[in-house]
Amino acid sequence: MTSDDDLWQTSNWQMPERSRLYRIAPLGNDSIMREALHSVLIRLALAHTVSPLVLMRREIVPETRVRHTKHSSSFTESHLKTMNGVGKYAAEFTRKLEDLTSQQKLSECSFMLWSGILDPRALGLLYTHPRWCPMCFLEWRDAGHEPYLALISQAAPILVCPVHSMALQHECPSCRRVQPFVPRHAHVDFCSRCGSWLAANHKELRGIVKASRISPRQRYNIDAIGEMILHGPEISKLLTAQHLQTRIAETADRHFGGTVANVERALGFTKRVISQWRYRDVQPSLPSFLLMTQGLAPSDTKPRRCTVRSPSS
């Protein structure tokens, strides 16, 4: 029987090391609306009541291979989009943020898990500027949740919100200027230039063109990229160029007479494009990868419905 004194024995217990910054868990982890890495950085700044720019310059960029010129607007306006991608910035920011917050799996907030398959130059992967759905911002604020930016909305092939089928926005409705990836303040639904609310109001939202009918390709892109984001962690060991080459070879053998050239002709690809993926270790861009997988998908594949997720999910 355990005595009362045994309950307080702590000789074998050690306090875990404290992280330098708060451990801010990414939002939307259990849905295709998973938070983008640059959005995690912004919310981390909000938790520490500092400017995202200050947090980035003082805590994150130091001791990384990221080269940042203090007065370079192009760095925050465009270069930082790649922290959501597959290259150096994504790897460096992920490593540093994980170290500062003592947590893992932040690579799931970018397309880093797919770096073994997708073109390392990230051609066609990410949109030039941050994008958002005004209706998501509106609903989250009404529910008392701090808005965030979803990774899927930053993917260049995605044109509409997976939840509301509303065209994604990239300009402030008031000043018509684009937003930086690391803004001056830590509220992603307010313009970093003029301070206006990016969701406008109900009346103004009705004036924004909605996608009343999504094209089959856009529906497929949403489903496919959503699957990449949601299930990438589960299949990470298969996300290699070698596995892609094997699957291309198997597909050619089973359905196209054993030649990759037949696959290219059937799917409408330029000659030797898929052959380079199969034989020359060339990695496809995201749009080309989606075009191939859609062409090979069963014709009776039904689009999945996207459920609304609050930022607290």
Foldseek 3Di string as FASTA:
>chain_A
DDDPVVVPDCPPPDDDDAFQFAQDDWFPQQFLQTFALLQSLLVSCVVVVAASLCCCVPQQPPPAPDDDDNPDPCVQQAVCLCCQEAERNVVRNQVRVCRRHVHDDSNLNHLNLLNQFAFRVQVQFFDRAAKDDLVLCVVQVVVVHQDGGGSLRGGRLAQADLAFQFGIDQAAPPPRHGATSRARHRRVQAHSPPRHGSSHDPVVVVVGDGCPDDDPLNLLSSQVSSCCSNCSVVCSVCSHLVNVLVVLQVCCVPPPVRDSQSLCVQLVHDPCPVVCSNPVVGHHHPVVVSSSVVSVDDPPDDRDRGDDDHRVD
